[in-house]
Amino acid sequence: MPTIRIGDYRHRVVFQNPGPPIPDAGGGYTHSWTDLVPASWDVAVDPTAAHDSEHAAAGGSAVATTPTLTIRGRMHLGVSTATRMIFEGRIYAITGARAADAHRSHMELSAVERV
């Protein structure tokens, strides 16, 4: 991993984890989200190269790309693959989370936009 300086964390994101289900009027439930503490986090956000996110489309004959992001920042112990991230008004699902250094003080995440 390249060295990241604190000044590289120029993007502000909000992290949320699934909250308790909320009953709806139809007898079912809706999903709720709860902000992590702290919810706002300064990170570096970079688009992932298209070839890194290619996958076979339905039918297997074509290749589709899914726009993804790579997020790097100081470790936030509440972030996992159950977490969602809000960045510039868009919602992203965290699809991968790992410690980015031996001291586990920084993290590297993969995220895909939810539509």
Protein backbone atom coordinates (compact mmCIF):
# COMPACT_ATOMS: atom_id res chain seq x y z
CA MET A 1 0.00 0.00 0.00
CA PRO A 2 1.37 3.43 -0.84
CA THR A 3 2.05 5.78 2.04
CA ILE A 4 -0.95 7.91 2.89
CA ARG A 5 -0.56 11.16 4.76
CA ILE A 6 -3.31 12.66 6.90
CA GLY A 7 -3.77 15.40 4.25
CA ASP A 8 -4.77 12.70 1.75
CA TYR A 9 -7.97 12.11 3.74
CA ARG A 10 -9.84 14.95 2.05
CA HIS A 11 -13.23 13.30 1.57
CA ARG A 12 -15.88 13.21 4.30
CA VAL A 13 -18.13 10.15 4.37
CA VAL A 14 -20.81 8.88 6.74
CA PHE A 15 -20.87 5.24 7.86
CA GLN A 16 -24.06 3.46 8.92
CA ASN A 17 -24.78 -0.08 10.12
CA PRO A 18 -28.13 -1.90 9.93
CA GLY A 19 -30.49 -0.87 12.69
CA PRO A 20 -33.48 -2.70 14.11
CA PRO A 21 -36.34 -3.62 11.74
CA ILE A 22 -39.26 -1.19 11.80
CA PRO A 23 -42.82 -2.53 11.37
CA ASP A 24 -44.65 -1.09 8.37
CA ALA A 25 -48.40 -0.64 7.76
CA GLY A 26 -48.60 -3.81 5.63
CA GLY A 27 -47.55 -6.17 8.43
CA GLY A 28 -43.96 -6.38 7.21
CA TYR A 29 -40.80 -4.61 8.15
CA THR A 30 -38.55 -1.98 6.66
CA HIS A 31 -34.82 -1.79 7.20
CA SER A 32 -33.41 1.04 9.25
CA TRP A 33 -29.86 2.36 9.42
CA THR A 34 -27.99 3.69 12.44
CA ASP A 35 -25.04 6.10 12.24
CA LEU A 36 -21.78 4.73 13.61
CA VAL A 37 -20.08 6.65 16.41
CA PRO A 38 -18.51 8.74 15.07
CA ALA A 39 -20.51 8.63 11.84
CA SER A 40 -18.48 11.17 9.83
CA TRP A 41 -15.02 10.01 8.83
CA ASP A 42 -12.27 11.63 6.74
CA VAL A 43 -10.93 9.26 4.09
CA ALA A 44 -9.27 9.09 0.66
CA VAL A 45 -11.73 7.96 -2.02
CA ASP A 46 -10.48 6.69 -5.38
CA PRO A 47 -12.38 5.08 -8.24
CA THR A 48 -11.37 1.48 -8.87
CA ALA A 49 -10.10 0.79 -12.39
CA ALA A 50 -12.85 -0.62 -14.63
CA HIS A 51 -10.91 -3.82 -15.36
CA ASP A 52 -10.71 -4.47 -11.61
CA SER A 53 -14.50 -4.58 -11.37
CA GLU A 54 -15.44 -6.51 -14.52
CA HIS A 55 -17.76 -9.49 -14.23
CA ALA A 56 -19.78 -11.69 -16.58
CA ALA A 57 -23.18 -10.27 -17.38
CA ALA A 58 -26.33 -12.41 -17.38
CA GLY A 59 -26.02 -14.98 -20.16
CA GLY A 60 -22.25 -14.97 -19.87
CA SER A 61 -21.58 -13.48 -23.31
CA ALA A 62 -20.85 -9.91 -22.32
CA VAL A 63 -18.69 -8.28 -19.71
CA ALA A 64 -20.25 -5.67 -17.46
CA THR A 65 -18.45 -3.27 -15.17
CA THR A 66 -19.70 -2.14 -11.80
CA PRO A 67 -18.47 1.26 -10.66
CA THR A 68 -16.61 0.73 -7.41
CA LEU A 69 -14.54 2.81 -5.05
CA THR A 70 -11.46 2.15 -2.96
CA ILE A 71 -11.59 3.96 0.38
CA ARG A 72 -8.56 4.39 2.64
CA GLY A 73 -8.52 5.93 6.07
CA ARG A 74 -7.78 5.55 9.72
CA MET A 75 -9.25 2.37 11.18
CA HIS A 76 -12.90 2.59 12.24
CA LEU A 77 -13.73 -0.50 14.27
CA GLY A 78 -17.46 -0.29 13.49
CA VAL A 79 -17.02 -0.69 9.70
CA SER A 80 -17.64 -4.11 8.15
CA THR A 81 -19.23 -5.57 5.03
CA ALA A 82 -22.63 -4.97 6.69
CA THR A 83 -21.88 -1.22 6.69
CA ARG A 84 -23.08 1.27 4.12
CA MET A 85 -21.35 4.52 3.28
CA ILE A 86 -22.83 7.83 2.16
CA PHE A 87 -20.50 9.85 -0.05
CA GLU A 88 -21.51 12.97 -2.01
CA GLY A 89 -25.21 12.12 -1.59
CA ARG A 90 -24.84 8.57 -2.93
CA ILE A 91 -25.13 5.34 -0.98
CA TYR A 92 -22.46 2.65 -1.29
CA ALA A 93 -22.38 -0.89 0.08
CA ILE A 94 -19.06 -1.89 1.64
CA THR A 95 -18.03 -5.06 -0.19
CA GLY A 96 -14.59 -5.56 1.34
CA ALA A 97 -12.82 -4.36 4.46
CA ARG A 98 -9.28 -5.03 5.62
CA ALA A 99 -6.54 -3.59 7.76
CA ALA A 100 -4.16 -1.69 5.49
CA ASP A 101 -1.10 -1.90 7.71
CA ALA A 102 0.54 -4.24 10.19
CA HIS A 103 -0.46 -2.03 13.13
CA ARG A 104 -4.15 -2.16 12.14
CA SER A 105 -4.34 1.63 12.45
CA HIS A 106 -5.55 2.15 8.85
CA MET A 107 -8.18 0.43 6.76
CA GLU A 108 -8.82 -0.16 3.08
CA LEU A 109 -12.40 -0.67 1.91
CA SER A 110 -14.06 -1.57 -1.37
CA ALA A 111 -17.51 -0.15 -2.05
CA VAL A 112 -20.12 -0.38 -4.80
CA GLU A 113 -22.92 2.10 -5.41
CA ARG A 114 -26.38 0.88 -4.42
CA VAL A 115 -29.09 1.62 -6.93
